Amino acid sequence: MRHFYRSHLAPADVLATADEFFPAIGLTQNTTAPRTRTYSGALGGLKLSAKPEGGHYTFVQVDTDQMGESRLDRNVKRFFVSLHRTEDPSHAISANY
């Protein structure tokens, strides 16, 4: 599956957060290239890229080798939440009914 997120963090900060987050869930880093990372493990494999996008945004794209809503995909979404919390630590997530 392909997931994306637009962040206010710099690409280097996004990659630093990824380097902490994904090994913590059991994935090992396979390659390191400018603005990209690949990880693999028991949950599957993923490729992450962080590119500057017009203005002050960073476009974060994650491609997994899983079908549907897998555990790896849910962890990618948790990673995006951790990016959001890094951007704005005072933001409180609440349900909108």
N, C-alpha and C. Protein backbone atom coordinates (compact mmCIF):
# COMPACT_ATOMS: atom_id res chain seq x y z
N MET A 1 0.84 -1.18 0.00
CA MET A 1 0.00 0.00 0.00
C MET A 1 0.88 1.24 0.00
N ARG A 2 0.32 2.31 -0.45
CA ARG A 2 1.03 3.59 -0.48
C ARG A 2 0.33 4.54 0.48
N HIS A 3 1.11 5.15 1.35
CA HIS A 3 0.61 6.12 2.31
C HIS A 3 1.39 7.41 2.13
N PHE A 4 0.75 8.54 2.42
CA PHE A 4 1.49 9.80 2.36
C PHE A 4 1.03 10.74 3.44
N TYR A 5 1.90 11.70 3.76
CA TYR A 5 1.64 12.68 4.81
C TYR A 5 2.42 13.94 4.47
N ARG A 6 1.81 15.09 4.67
CA ARG A 6 2.52 16.36 4.47
C ARG A 6 2.87 16.91 5.85
N SER A 7 4.15 17.15 6.03
CA SER A 7 4.66 17.56 7.33
C SER A 7 5.28 18.94 7.24
N HIS A 8 5.35 19.61 8.38
CA HIS A 8 6.05 20.89 8.46
C HIS A 8 7.50 20.70 8.89
N LEU A 9 7.89 19.46 9.21
CA LEU A 9 9.26 19.17 9.61
C LEU A 9 10.17 19.15 8.38
N ALA A 10 11.44 19.38 8.59
CA ALA A 10 12.42 19.28 7.51
C ALA A 10 12.61 17.80 7.16
N PRO A 11 12.98 17.49 5.91
CA PRO A 11 13.19 16.08 5.54
C PRO A 11 14.19 15.36 6.45
N ALA A 12 15.24 16.04 6.88
CA ALA A 12 16.22 15.40 7.77
C ALA A 12 15.59 15.02 9.11
N ASP A 13 14.67 15.86 9.61
CA ASP A 13 13.99 15.55 10.87
C ASP A 13 13.04 14.38 10.71
N VAL A 14 12.37 14.29 9.56
CA VAL A 14 11.46 13.17 9.29
C VAL A 14 12.27 11.87 9.26
N LEU A 15 13.41 11.88 8.59
CA LEU A 15 14.24 10.67 8.51
C LEU A 15 14.82 10.30 9.87
N ALA A 16 15.18 11.28 10.68
CA ALA A 16 15.68 10.99 12.02
C ALA A 16 14.60 10.35 12.88
N THR A 17 13.36 10.83 12.75
CA THR A 17 12.24 10.24 13.48
C THR A 17 12.00 8.81 13.01
N ALA A 18 12.09 8.58 11.69
CA ALA A 18 11.91 7.23 11.14
C ALA A 18 13.00 6.29 11.63
N ASP A 19 14.23 6.80 11.75
CA ASP A 19 15.34 5.97 12.21
C ASP A 19 15.17 5.54 13.66
N GLU A 20 14.38 6.27 14.43
CA GLU A 20 14.07 5.88 15.81
C GLU A 20 12.83 5.00 15.87
N PHE A 21 11.81 5.32 15.07
CA PHE A 21 10.51 4.66 15.18
C PHE A 21 10.53 3.23 14.64
N PHE A 22 10.99 3.03 13.42
CA PHE A 22 10.85 1.72 12.78
C PHE A 22 11.74 0.63 13.40
N PRO A 23 12.97 0.92 13.81
CA PRO A 23 13.71 -0.14 14.52
C PRO A 23 13.05 -0.54 15.85
N ALA A 24 12.33 0.39 16.47
CA ALA A 24 11.66 0.09 17.73
C ALA A 24 10.52 -0.92 17.57
N ILE A 25 9.97 -1.06 16.35
CA ILE A 25 8.91 -2.04 16.13
C ILE A 25 9.44 -3.31 15.47
N GLY A 26 10.76 -3.46 15.41
CA GLY A 26 11.35 -4.70 14.93
C GLY A 26 11.80 -4.71 13.48
N LEU A 27 11.85 -3.56 12.84
CA LEU A 27 12.31 -3.50 11.46
C LEU A 27 13.77 -3.10 11.42
N THR A 28 14.52 -3.67 10.49
CA THR A 28 15.92 -3.30 10.34
C THR A 28 16.09 -2.43 9.11
N GLN A 29 16.98 -1.49 9.22
CA GLN A 29 17.22 -0.55 8.12
C GLN A 29 18.13 -1.23 7.11
N ASN A 30 17.70 -1.27 5.84
CA ASN A 30 18.48 -1.93 4.80
C ASN A 30 19.36 -0.96 4.04
N THR A 31 18.78 0.13 3.58
CA THR A 31 19.57 1.09 2.81
C THR A 31 19.31 2.49 3.31
N THR A 32 20.31 3.33 3.10
CA THR A 32 20.21 4.74 3.42
C THR A 32 20.66 5.51 2.20
N ALA A 33 19.80 6.32 1.69
CA ALA A 33 20.13 7.19 0.56
C ALA A 33 19.61 8.58 0.91
N PRO A 34 20.04 9.59 0.18
CA PRO A 34 19.52 10.92 0.48
C PRO A 34 17.99 10.95 0.40
N ARG A 35 17.38 11.32 1.50
CA ARG A 35 15.93 11.49 1.61
C ARG A 35 15.11 10.21 1.46
N THR A 36 15.73 9.03 1.54
CA THR A 36 14.98 7.77 1.49
C THR A 36 15.56 6.77 2.49
N ARG A 37 14.71 5.86 2.91
CA ARG A 37 15.11 4.75 3.78
C ARG A 37 14.29 3.53 3.35
N THR A 38 14.87 2.35 3.50
CA THR A 38 14.12 1.11 3.35
C THR A 38 14.32 0.29 4.61
N TYR A 39 13.26 -0.36 5.05
CA TYR A 39 13.25 -1.18 6.24
C TYR A 39 12.58 -2.50 5.91
N SER A 40 12.99 -3.56 6.63
CA SER A 40 12.32 -4.85 6.48
C SER A 40 12.38 -5.59 7.80
N GLY A 41 11.48 -6.55 7.95
CA GLY A 41 11.42 -7.34 9.17
C GLY A 41 10.29 -8.33 9.08
N ALA A 42 9.90 -8.87 10.22
CA ALA A 42 8.83 -9.87 10.27
C ALA A 42 7.49 -9.31 9.80
N LEU A 43 7.26 -8.01 9.98
CA LEU A 43 6.00 -7.40 9.55
C LEU A 43 5.95 -7.16 8.04
N GLY A 44 7.09 -7.13 7.38
CA GLY A 44 7.14 -6.85 5.94
C GLY A 44 8.22 -5.82 5.64
N GLY A 45 8.14 -5.25 4.46
CA GLY A 45 9.12 -4.26 4.05
C GLY A 45 8.45 -2.95 3.68
N LEU A 46 9.22 -1.87 3.78
CA LEU A 46 8.69 -0.57 3.39
C LEU A 46 9.80 0.30 2.85
N LYS A 47 9.39 1.26 2.04
CA LYS A 47 10.31 2.27 1.52
C LYS A 47 9.73 3.63 1.88
N LEU A 48 10.53 4.46 2.54
CA LEU A 48 10.09 5.78 2.98
C LEU A 48 10.90 6.83 2.22
N SER A 49 10.21 7.86 1.74
CA SER A 49 10.91 8.99 1.12
C SER A 49 10.34 10.28 1.70
N ALA A 50 11.20 11.26 1.87
CA ALA A 50 10.82 12.58 2.40
C ALA A 50 11.39 13.63 1.48
N LYS A 51 10.50 14.31 0.74
CA LYS A 51 10.95 15.29 -0.24
C LYS A 51 10.36 16.66 0.07
N PRO A 52 11.16 17.72 -0.06
CA PRO A 52 10.60 19.06 0.11
C PRO A 52 9.57 19.32 -0.97
N GLU A 53 8.49 19.96 -0.56
CA GLU A 53 7.41 20.24 -1.50
C GLU A 53 7.08 21.71 -1.39
N GLY A 54 6.79 22.35 -2.48
CA GLY A 54 6.48 23.76 -2.58
C GLY A 54 6.26 24.49 -1.27
N GLY A 55 7.15 25.36 -0.93
CA GLY A 55 6.99 26.16 0.28
C GLY A 55 7.61 25.48 1.48
N HIS A 56 6.83 25.34 2.54
CA HIS A 56 7.36 24.85 3.81
C HIS A 56 6.92 23.43 4.15
N TYR A 57 6.42 22.69 3.19
CA TYR A 57 5.97 21.32 3.44
C TYR A 57 7.02 20.31 3.05
N THR A 58 6.97 19.16 3.72
CA THR A 58 7.75 17.99 3.34
C THR A 58 6.76 16.89 3.02
N PHE A 59 6.86 16.32 1.83
CA PHE A 59 5.97 15.24 1.40
C PHE A 59 6.61 13.92 1.80
N VAL A 60 5.94 13.21 2.71
CA VAL A 60 6.44 11.93 3.20
C VAL A 60 5.61 10.83 2.56
N GLN A 61 6.26 9.93 1.84
CA GLN A 61 5.57 8.83 1.18
C GLN A 61 6.15 7.52 1.67
N VAL A 62 5.27 6.58 2.03
CA VAL A 62 5.69 5.27 2.49
C VAL A 62 4.98 4.22 1.64
N ASP A 63 5.75 3.35 1.00
CA ASP A 63 5.22 2.23 0.23
C ASP A 63 5.54 0.95 0.98
N THR A 64 4.51 0.15 1.28
CA THR A 64 4.71 -1.13 1.94
C THR A 64 4.46 -2.24 0.95
N ASP A 65 4.97 -3.43 1.26
CA ASP A 65 4.75 -4.58 0.40
C ASP A 65 3.56 -5.43 0.86
N GLN A 66 2.71 -4.85 1.70
CA GLN A 66 1.57 -5.57 2.26
C GLN A 66 0.27 -5.22 1.53
N MET A 67 -0.66 -6.14 1.58
CA MET A 67 -1.98 -5.93 0.98
C MET A 67 -2.97 -5.53 2.07
N GLY A 68 -3.84 -4.61 1.77
CA GLY A 68 -4.89 -4.24 2.71
C GLY A 68 -4.37 -3.56 3.96
N GLU A 69 -5.11 -3.71 5.05
CA GLU A 69 -4.78 -3.05 6.32
C GLU A 69 -3.98 -4.01 7.19
N SER A 70 -2.69 -4.07 6.99
CA SER A 70 -1.82 -4.98 7.74
C SER A 70 -1.30 -4.29 9.00
N ARG A 71 -0.62 -5.07 9.83
CA ARG A 71 0.00 -4.49 11.03
C ARG A 71 1.05 -3.47 10.65
N LEU A 72 1.76 -3.72 9.56
CA LEU A 72 2.77 -2.76 9.12
C LEU A 72 2.12 -1.44 8.71
N ASP A 73 1.00 -1.52 8.00
CA ASP A 73 0.30 -0.30 7.58
C ASP A 73 -0.21 0.49 8.78
N ARG A 74 -0.69 -0.20 9.80
CA ARG A 74 -1.14 0.49 11.01
C ARG A 74 0.03 1.17 11.71
N ASN A 75 1.19 0.53 11.69
CA ASN A 75 2.37 1.15 12.29
C ASN A 75 2.85 2.35 11.48
N VAL A 76 2.67 2.33 10.17
CA VAL A 76 3.00 3.50 9.35
C VAL A 76 2.10 4.67 9.76
N LYS A 77 0.84 4.40 9.98
CA LYS A 77 -0.08 5.46 10.43
C LYS A 77 0.32 5.98 11.81
N ARG A 78 0.78 5.09 12.69
CA ARG A 78 1.28 5.52 14.00
C ARG A 78 2.51 6.40 13.83
N PHE A 79 3.35 6.09 12.84
CA PHE A 79 4.52 6.92 12.56
C PHE A 79 4.09 8.32 12.15
N PHE A 80 3.05 8.42 11.32
CA PHE A 80 2.55 9.73 10.90
C PHE A 80 2.01 10.51 12.10
N VAL A 81 1.36 9.83 13.04
CA VAL A 81 0.88 10.49 14.26
C VAL A 81 2.07 10.99 15.07
N SER A 82 3.15 10.20 15.13
CA SER A 82 4.33 10.65 15.88
C SER A 82 4.96 11.87 15.21
N LEU A 83 4.92 11.94 13.87
CA LEU A 83 5.40 13.15 13.19
C LEU A 83 4.55 14.35 13.56
N HIS A 84 3.24 14.15 13.61
CA HIS A 84 2.33 15.25 13.96
C HIS A 84 2.60 15.72 15.39
N ARG A 85 2.83 14.78 16.29
CA ARG A 85 3.11 15.16 17.68
C ARG A 85 4.45 15.88 17.80
N THR A 86 5.41 15.53 16.94
CA THR A 86 6.69 16.22 16.94
C THR A 86 6.52 17.65 16.45
N GLU A 87 5.67 17.84 15.44
CA GLU A 87 5.40 19.18 14.91
C GLU A 87 4.71 20.07 15.93
N ASP A 88 3.69 19.51 16.59
CA ASP A 88 2.86 20.30 17.49
C ASP A 88 2.58 19.49 18.76
N PRO A 89 3.48 19.51 19.74
CA PRO A 89 3.29 18.70 20.94
C PRO A 89 2.07 19.09 21.77
N SER A 90 1.58 20.31 21.63
CA SER A 90 0.44 20.73 22.46
C SER A 90 -0.90 20.35 21.85
N HIS A 91 -0.90 19.82 20.64
CA HIS A 91 -2.16 19.45 19.97
C HIS A 91 -2.79 18.25 20.67
N ALA A 92 -4.06 18.38 21.02
CA ALA A 92 -4.80 17.29 21.64
C ALA A 92 -5.74 16.69 20.60
N ILE A 93 -5.58 15.40 20.34
CA ILE A 93 -6.46 14.74 19.37
C ILE A 93 -7.76 14.42 20.05
N SER A 94 -8.87 14.83 19.44
CA SER A 94 -10.18 14.57 20.04
C SER A 94 -11.13 14.06 18.95
N ALA A 95 -12.11 13.31 19.40
CA ALA A 95 -13.11 12.77 18.47
C ALA A 95 -14.09 13.86 18.08
N ASN A 96 -14.44 13.92 16.82
CA ASN A 96 -15.44 14.88 16.36
C ASN A 96 -16.73 14.12 16.05
N TYR A 97 -17.73 14.41 16.85
CA TYR A 97 -19.01 13.70 16.68
C TYR A 97 -20.00 14.58 15.98
